[in-house]
Amino acid sequence: MADFVLDDIDDVIHGKVRLGIMAFLSTSGITDFTTLRGHLGVTDGNLSTHLRKLEGAGYVEPSKSFQERRPVTHIALTETGRAAFLGYLETMGKLIGFQQTDQR
């Protein structure tokens, strides 16, 4: 097995809230801000900050619309984001595999 390189972990995704966002979007594809906030149990400001970081990396794309005259923000996982998340999971799998091999 190849050595695990800790620097391979994507720091943009690795934060607890950002990892939760990516995991949720990887199954839902798209969701609204309020639903995402509820599932993660974070404040509006906290979620907004993490979404901006993910958006800056090109991992998520927000879009705004109106439903019954109320503004709604939808968040979608981009193809870049999906690839980055799958890469993140692969990297974490290598870490887990590396640790299990060392403990045998």
N, C-alpha and C. Protein backbone atom coordinates (compact mmCIF):
# COMPACT_ATOMS: atom_id res chain seq x y z
N MET A 1 0.85 -1.19 0.00
CA MET A 1 0.00 0.00 0.00
C MET A 1 0.89 1.24 0.00
N ALA A 2 0.50 2.22 -0.78
CA ALA A 2 1.25 3.47 -0.84
C ALA A 2 1.10 4.22 0.48
N ASP A 3 2.13 4.98 0.81
CA ASP A 3 2.08 5.78 2.03
C ASP A 3 0.98 6.82 1.94
N PHE A 4 0.37 7.06 3.06
CA PHE A 4 -0.65 8.10 3.14
C PHE A 4 0.03 9.44 3.39
N VAL A 5 -0.39 10.43 2.64
CA VAL A 5 0.17 11.77 2.78
C VAL A 5 -0.91 12.67 3.38
N LEU A 6 -0.68 13.14 4.59
CA LEU A 6 -1.68 13.95 5.30
C LEU A 6 -2.05 15.21 4.53
N ASP A 7 -1.11 15.75 3.77
CA ASP A 7 -1.38 16.95 2.99
C ASP A 7 -2.37 16.71 1.86
N ASP A 8 -2.70 15.45 1.57
CA ASP A 8 -3.67 15.14 0.53
C ASP A 8 -5.11 15.44 0.96
N ILE A 9 -5.34 15.63 2.26
CA ILE A 9 -6.68 15.93 2.75
C ILE A 9 -7.09 17.33 2.28
N ASP A 10 -8.25 17.43 1.67
CA ASP A 10 -8.78 18.70 1.17
C ASP A 10 -9.27 19.53 2.36
N ASP A 11 -8.51 20.57 2.71
CA ASP A 11 -8.85 21.41 3.86
C ASP A 11 -10.16 22.17 3.68
N VAL A 12 -10.55 22.42 2.44
CA VAL A 12 -11.82 23.12 2.21
C VAL A 12 -12.98 22.26 2.67
N ILE A 13 -12.91 20.97 2.42
CA ILE A 13 -13.99 20.06 2.80
C ILE A 13 -13.86 19.59 4.25
N HIS A 14 -12.66 19.47 4.75
CA HIS A 14 -12.40 18.76 5.99
C HIS A 14 -13.04 19.36 7.25
N GLY A 15 -13.40 20.62 7.25
CA GLY A 15 -14.07 21.21 8.40
C GLY A 15 -15.41 20.53 8.65
N LYS A 16 -15.80 20.41 9.90
CA LYS A 16 -17.01 19.67 10.30
C LYS A 16 -18.26 20.13 9.54
N VAL A 17 -18.52 21.42 9.52
CA VAL A 17 -19.74 21.92 8.87
C VAL A 17 -19.63 21.76 7.36
N ARG A 18 -18.47 22.08 6.79
CA ARG A 18 -18.31 21.94 5.33
C ARG A 18 -18.42 20.47 4.90
N LEU A 19 -17.90 19.57 5.71
CA LEU A 19 -18.04 18.15 5.41
C LEU A 19 -19.52 17.75 5.45
N GLY A 20 -20.25 18.27 6.41
CA GLY A 20 -21.69 18.01 6.49
C GLY A 20 -22.44 18.54 5.28
N ILE A 21 -22.06 19.73 4.83
CA ILE A 21 -22.69 20.32 3.63
C ILE A 21 -22.44 19.42 2.43
N MET A 22 -21.19 19.04 2.24
CA MET A 22 -20.84 18.22 1.08
C MET A 22 -21.52 16.86 1.13
N ALA A 23 -21.56 16.25 2.31
CA ALA A 23 -22.21 14.94 2.45
C ALA A 23 -23.70 15.05 2.14
N PHE A 24 -24.35 16.09 2.67
CA PHE A 24 -25.78 16.26 2.44
C PHE A 24 -26.06 16.49 0.96
N LEU A 25 -25.28 17.38 0.35
CA LEU A 25 -25.49 17.69 -1.07
C LEU A 25 -25.12 16.52 -1.98
N SER A 26 -24.23 15.66 -1.54
CA SER A 26 -23.84 14.53 -2.39
C SER A 26 -25.00 13.57 -2.60
N THR A 27 -25.95 13.56 -1.67
CA THR A 27 -27.11 12.70 -1.82
C THR A 27 -28.33 13.45 -2.34
N SER A 28 -28.46 14.72 -1.95
CA SER A 28 -29.63 15.49 -2.38
C SER A 28 -29.40 16.21 -3.70
N GLY A 29 -28.17 16.54 -4.01
CA GLY A 29 -27.85 17.26 -5.23
C GLY A 29 -28.10 18.75 -5.10
N ILE A 30 -29.27 19.10 -4.61
CA ILE A 30 -29.63 20.50 -4.42
C ILE A 30 -30.59 20.58 -3.23
N THR A 31 -30.49 21.65 -2.48
CA THR A 31 -31.39 21.86 -1.35
C THR A 31 -31.50 23.35 -1.10
N ASP A 32 -32.45 23.73 -0.30
CA ASP A 32 -32.57 25.15 0.05
C ASP A 32 -31.81 25.41 1.35
N PHE A 33 -31.46 26.67 1.53
CA PHE A 33 -30.65 27.12 2.66
C PHE A 33 -31.28 26.70 3.99
N THR A 34 -32.58 26.89 4.13
CA THR A 34 -33.26 26.60 5.39
C THR A 34 -33.22 25.11 5.73
N THR A 35 -33.43 24.27 4.75
CA THR A 35 -33.37 22.83 4.97
C THR A 35 -31.97 22.41 5.37
N LEU A 36 -30.97 22.93 4.67
CA LEU A 36 -29.58 22.61 4.98
C LEU A 36 -29.21 23.06 6.39
N ARG A 37 -29.61 24.27 6.72
CA ARG A 37 -29.34 24.81 8.07
C ARG A 37 -29.95 23.92 9.14
N GLY A 38 -31.18 23.47 8.92
CA GLY A 38 -31.86 22.61 9.87
C GLY A 38 -31.17 21.26 10.04
N HIS A 39 -30.74 20.68 8.95
CA HIS A 39 -30.07 19.38 9.04
C HIS A 39 -28.72 19.48 9.74
N LEU A 40 -28.04 20.60 9.56
CA LEU A 40 -26.72 20.75 10.16
C LEU A 40 -26.78 21.32 11.58
N GLY A 41 -27.88 21.97 11.93
CA GLY A 41 -28.01 22.56 13.25
C GLY A 41 -27.06 23.72 13.50
N VAL A 42 -26.91 24.58 12.49
CA VAL A 42 -26.02 25.74 12.61
C VAL A 42 -26.82 27.02 12.40
N THR A 43 -26.19 28.14 12.71
CA THR A 43 -26.85 29.44 12.52
C THR A 43 -26.75 29.88 11.06
N ASP A 44 -27.56 30.87 10.70
CA ASP A 44 -27.51 31.43 9.35
C ASP A 44 -26.11 31.92 9.01
N GLY A 45 -25.53 32.68 9.93
CA GLY A 45 -24.21 33.25 9.69
C GLY A 45 -23.14 32.19 9.55
N ASN A 46 -23.20 31.18 10.39
CA ASN A 46 -22.22 30.09 10.32
C ASN A 46 -22.33 29.36 8.99
N LEU A 47 -23.54 29.02 8.59
CA LEU A 47 -23.74 28.32 7.33
C LEU A 47 -23.30 29.18 6.16
N SER A 48 -23.64 30.45 6.18
CA SER A 48 -23.25 31.36 5.10
C SER A 48 -21.74 31.42 4.93
N THR A 49 -21.02 31.48 6.05
CA THR A 49 -19.56 31.54 6.01
C THR A 49 -18.98 30.29 5.36
N HIS A 50 -19.48 29.13 5.75
CA HIS A 50 -18.97 27.88 5.19
C HIS A 50 -19.36 27.71 3.72
N LEU A 51 -20.55 28.15 3.36
CA LEU A 51 -20.97 28.07 1.96
C LEU A 51 -20.11 28.98 1.08
N ARG A 52 -19.74 30.15 1.58
CA ARG A 52 -18.87 31.05 0.81
C ARG A 52 -17.52 30.39 0.54
N LYS A 53 -16.98 29.68 1.53
CA LYS A 53 -15.70 29.00 1.36
C LYS A 53 -15.83 27.90 0.30
N LEU A 54 -16.90 27.13 0.35
CA LEU A 54 -17.12 26.08 -0.64
C LEU A 54 -17.39 26.67 -2.02
N GLU A 55 -18.12 27.77 -2.06
CA GLU A 55 -18.40 28.43 -3.34
C GLU A 55 -17.10 28.97 -3.94
N GLY A 56 -16.25 29.54 -3.12
CA GLY A 56 -14.97 30.07 -3.59
C GLY A 56 -14.09 28.99 -4.21
N ALA A 57 -14.23 27.76 -3.73
CA ALA A 57 -13.47 26.64 -4.28
C ALA A 57 -14.16 26.04 -5.50
N GLY A 58 -15.37 26.52 -5.81
CA GLY A 58 -16.12 25.99 -6.94
C GLY A 58 -16.85 24.69 -6.64
N TYR A 59 -17.04 24.38 -5.35
CA TYR A 59 -17.67 23.12 -4.96
C TYR A 59 -19.19 23.20 -4.88
N VAL A 60 -19.72 24.37 -4.60
CA VAL A 60 -21.17 24.55 -4.54
C VAL A 60 -21.54 25.79 -5.34
N GLU A 61 -22.79 25.82 -5.76
CA GLU A 61 -23.29 26.97 -6.51
C GLU A 61 -24.65 27.38 -5.94
N PRO A 62 -24.72 28.59 -5.37
CA PRO A 62 -26.01 29.06 -4.87
C PRO A 62 -26.82 29.70 -5.99
N SER A 63 -28.12 29.63 -5.86
CA SER A 63 -29.01 30.35 -6.78
C SER A 63 -30.17 30.90 -5.96
N LYS A 64 -30.63 32.06 -6.35
CA LYS A 64 -31.70 32.72 -5.60
C LYS A 64 -32.94 32.80 -6.47
N SER A 65 -34.08 32.59 -5.81
CA SER A 65 -35.37 32.69 -6.49
C SER A 65 -36.40 33.16 -5.47
N PHE A 66 -37.62 33.25 -5.92
CA PHE A 66 -38.71 33.64 -5.02
C PHE A 66 -39.78 32.56 -5.02
N GLN A 67 -40.29 32.26 -3.84
CA GLN A 67 -41.43 31.36 -3.70
C GLN A 67 -42.46 32.11 -2.85
N GLU A 68 -43.61 32.34 -3.44
CA GLU A 68 -44.66 33.10 -2.77
C GLU A 68 -44.13 34.43 -2.23
N ARG A 69 -43.41 35.13 -3.08
CA ARG A 69 -42.85 36.46 -2.80
C ARG A 69 -41.77 36.47 -1.73
N ARG A 70 -41.29 35.31 -1.35
CA ARG A 70 -40.22 35.23 -0.34
C ARG A 70 -38.95 34.74 -1.03
N PRO A 71 -37.82 35.37 -0.73
CA PRO A 71 -36.56 34.92 -1.34
C PRO A 71 -36.14 33.56 -0.80
N VAL A 72 -35.66 32.72 -1.70
CA VAL A 72 -35.19 31.38 -1.34
C VAL A 72 -33.83 31.18 -2.00
N THR A 73 -32.89 30.70 -1.22
CA THR A 73 -31.57 30.38 -1.76
C THR A 73 -31.44 28.87 -1.84
N HIS A 74 -31.13 28.39 -3.04
CA HIS A 74 -30.87 26.98 -3.25
C HIS A 74 -29.37 26.78 -3.39
N ILE A 75 -28.88 25.67 -2.89
CA ILE A 75 -27.47 25.34 -2.95
C ILE A 75 -27.35 24.04 -3.73
N ALA A 76 -26.50 24.03 -4.75
CA ALA A 76 -26.28 22.83 -5.54
C ALA A 76 -24.81 22.45 -5.50
N LEU A 77 -24.56 21.16 -5.49
CA LEU A 77 -23.21 20.64 -5.59
C LEU A 77 -22.79 20.69 -7.05
N THR A 78 -21.64 21.25 -7.34
CA THR A 78 -21.14 21.31 -8.71
C THR A 78 -20.44 20.00 -9.07
N GLU A 79 -20.16 19.81 -10.35
CA GLU A 79 -19.40 18.62 -10.77
C GLU A 79 -18.01 18.64 -10.13
N THR A 80 -17.41 19.83 -10.05
CA THR A 80 -16.12 19.97 -9.38
C THR A 80 -16.24 19.57 -7.92
N GLY A 81 -17.32 20.00 -7.28
CA GLY A 81 -17.56 19.66 -5.89
C GLY A 81 -17.76 18.17 -5.68
N ARG A 82 -18.51 17.55 -6.58
CA ARG A 82 -18.75 16.10 -6.48
C ARG A 82 -17.42 15.35 -6.62
N ALA A 83 -16.61 15.75 -7.59
CA ALA A 83 -15.31 15.10 -7.78
C ALA A 83 -14.40 15.32 -6.56
N ALA A 84 -14.43 16.53 -6.02
CA ALA A 84 -13.60 16.82 -4.83
C ALA A 84 -14.06 16.00 -3.63
N PHE A 85 -15.37 15.85 -3.47
CA PHE A 85 -15.89 15.07 -2.35
C PHE A 85 -15.52 13.60 -2.49
N LEU A 86 -15.64 13.05 -3.69
CA LEU A 86 -15.25 11.67 -3.91
C LEU A 86 -13.75 11.49 -3.67
N GLY A 87 -12.96 12.47 -4.09
CA GLY A 87 -11.53 12.43 -3.83
C GLY A 87 -11.23 12.49 -2.34
N TYR A 88 -11.99 13.32 -1.63
CA TYR A 88 -11.84 13.43 -0.18
C TYR A 88 -12.13 12.08 0.48
N LEU A 89 -13.22 11.43 0.07
CA LEU A 89 -13.58 10.14 0.64
C LEU A 89 -12.50 9.09 0.35
N GLU A 90 -11.96 9.13 -0.85
CA GLU A 90 -10.88 8.20 -1.20
C GLU A 90 -9.65 8.44 -0.33
N THR A 91 -9.31 9.70 -0.14
CA THR A 91 -8.16 10.04 0.71
C THR A 91 -8.38 9.58 2.14
N MET A 92 -9.58 9.80 2.66
CA MET A 92 -9.87 9.35 4.03
C MET A 92 -9.84 7.82 4.11
N GLY A 93 -10.29 7.15 3.06
CA GLY A 93 -10.23 5.70 3.01
C GLY A 93 -8.79 5.20 3.08
N LYS A 94 -7.90 5.91 2.39
CA LYS A 94 -6.48 5.56 2.45
C LYS A 94 -5.95 5.73 3.87
N LEU A 95 -6.36 6.79 4.54
CA LEU A 95 -5.92 7.02 5.91
C LEU A 95 -6.40 5.89 6.82
N ILE A 96 -7.65 5.53 6.68
CA ILE A 96 -8.21 4.45 7.51
C ILE A 96 -7.51 3.13 7.19
N GLY A 97 -7.30 2.84 5.92
CA GLY A 97 -6.62 1.62 5.50
C GLY A 97 -5.18 1.59 6.00
N PHE A 98 -4.53 2.74 5.95
CA PHE A 98 -3.15 2.85 6.41
C PHE A 98 -3.06 2.57 7.90
N GLN A 99 -4.00 3.11 8.66
CA GLN A 99 -4.01 2.90 10.12
C GLN A 99 -4.31 1.44 10.44
N GLN A 100 -5.23 0.83 9.75
CA GLN A 100 -5.58 -0.56 10.02
C GLN A 100 -4.40 -1.47 9.71
N THR A 101 -3.67 -1.19 8.65
CA THR A 101 -2.52 -1.98 8.27
C THR A 101 -1.44 -1.88 9.34
N ASP A 102 -1.23 -0.67 9.88
CA ASP A 102 -0.20 -0.47 10.91
C ASP A 102 -0.55 -1.17 12.22
N GLN A 103 -1.83 -1.38 12.50
CA GLN A 103 -2.24 -1.96 13.78
C GLN A 103 -2.25 -3.48 13.75
N ARG A 104 -2.07 -4.09 12.60
CA ARG A 104 -2.11 -5.55 12.51
C ARG A 104 -0.86 -6.18 12.98
